């Protein structure tokens, strides 16, 4: 939705504890999550403050966020008990 945050614990509340654990213990997951979090903040800033970017650039950022979210979800699924 427009102007909403999409942090991982909100997106995957059933994996909140695992997200925290992997962020602290798995460097690959932490790197991807940090990139995802920064990208989500950038998109939120654009949407909330009307930052002047092209529609194409905004869509590119959103596609990158989805791709990162898919990678992170795959790691969560592989590590779920």
Protein backbone atom coordinates (compact mmCIF):
# COMPACT_ATOMS: atom_id res chain seq x y z
CA UNK A 1 0.00 0.00 0.00
CA UNK A 2 1.11 3.56 -0.64
CA UNK A 3 3.20 5.03 2.18
CA UNK A 4 3.32 1.87 4.30
CA UNK A 5 6.43 0.38 5.85
CA UNK A 6 7.28 -3.15 4.76
CA UNK A 7 9.80 -4.24 7.39
CA UNK A 8 10.38 -7.98 7.55
CA UNK A 9 8.84 -8.66 10.98
CA UNK A 10 5.66 -6.93 9.81
CA UNK A 11 5.66 -8.80 6.50
CA UNK A 12 6.38 -12.17 8.14
CA UNK A 13 5.17 -11.95 11.76
CA UNK A 14 5.20 -15.74 12.06
CA UNK A 15 9.00 -15.60 11.57
CA UNK A 16 9.78 -12.59 13.80
CA UNK A 17 12.01 -14.54 16.20
CA UNK A 18 13.81 -16.30 13.35
CA UNK A 19 14.37 -12.97 11.57
CA UNK A 20 16.01 -11.56 14.70
CA UNK A 21 18.12 -14.69 15.19
CA UNK A 22 19.30 -14.86 11.57
CA UNK A 23 20.07 -11.14 11.50
CA UNK A 24 22.36 -11.67 14.49
CA UNK A 25 23.98 -14.95 13.38
CA UNK A 26 23.89 -15.21 9.57
CA UNK A 27 26.01 -12.61 7.77
CA UNK A 28 24.42 -13.26 4.36
CA UNK A 29 20.92 -12.83 5.79
CA UNK A 30 21.97 -9.72 7.73
CA UNK A 31 23.46 -8.12 4.61
CA UNK A 32 20.35 -8.81 2.55
CA UNK A 33 18.06 -7.64 5.35
CA UNK A 34 20.02 -4.42 5.85
CA UNK A 35 19.82 -3.74 2.11
CA UNK A 36 16.08 -4.51 2.16
CA UNK A 37 15.53 -2.22 5.15
CA UNK A 38 17.43 0.66 3.51
CA UNK A 39 15.52 0.21 0.27
CA UNK A 40 12.20 0.10 2.12
CA UNK A 41 13.11 3.34 3.91
CA UNK A 42 14.01 4.98 0.59
CA UNK A 43 10.69 3.94 -0.97
CA UNK A 44 8.77 5.12 2.10
CA UNK A 45 10.54 8.48 1.93
CA UNK A 46 9.61 8.87 -1.74
CA UNK A 47 5.98 7.98 -1.12
CA UNK A 48 5.49 9.96 2.09
CA UNK A 49 7.33 13.13 1.16
CA UNK A 50 6.65 13.19 -2.54
CA UNK A 51 10.35 13.06 -3.35
CA UNK A 52 10.76 13.92 -7.00
CA UNK A 53 11.67 10.73 -8.87
CA UNK A 54 10.42 9.26 -12.11
CA UNK A 55 7.73 6.61 -12.00
CA UNK A 56 10.18 4.23 -13.64
CA UNK A 57 12.74 4.76 -10.89
CA UNK A 58 10.14 4.27 -8.15
CA UNK A 59 8.95 1.05 -9.81
CA UNK A 60 12.55 -0.18 -10.16
CA UNK A 61 13.08 0.35 -6.43
CA UNK A 62 9.91 -1.58 -5.65
CA UNK A 63 10.93 -4.48 -7.91
CA UNK A 64 14.33 -4.61 -6.17
CA UNK A 65 12.57 -4.67 -2.78
CA UNK A 66 10.36 -7.57 -3.89
CA UNK A 67 13.39 -9.50 -5.19
CA UNK A 68 15.19 -9.03 -1.87
CA UNK A 69 12.08 -10.02 0.05
CA UNK A 70 11.85 -13.22 -2.00
CA UNK A 71 15.49 -14.08 -1.23
CA UNK A 72 15.01 -13.36 2.46
CA UNK A 73 11.83 -15.44 2.59
CA UNK A 74 13.64 -18.36 0.96
CA UNK A 75 16.30 -18.19 3.69
CA UNK A 76 13.59 -18.02 6.36
CA UNK A 77 11.84 -21.06 4.89
CA UNK A 78 15.11 -23.01 4.74
CA UNK A 79 15.80 -22.23 8.41
CA UNK A 80 12.29 -22.62 9.82
CA UNK A 81 11.95 -25.44 12.31
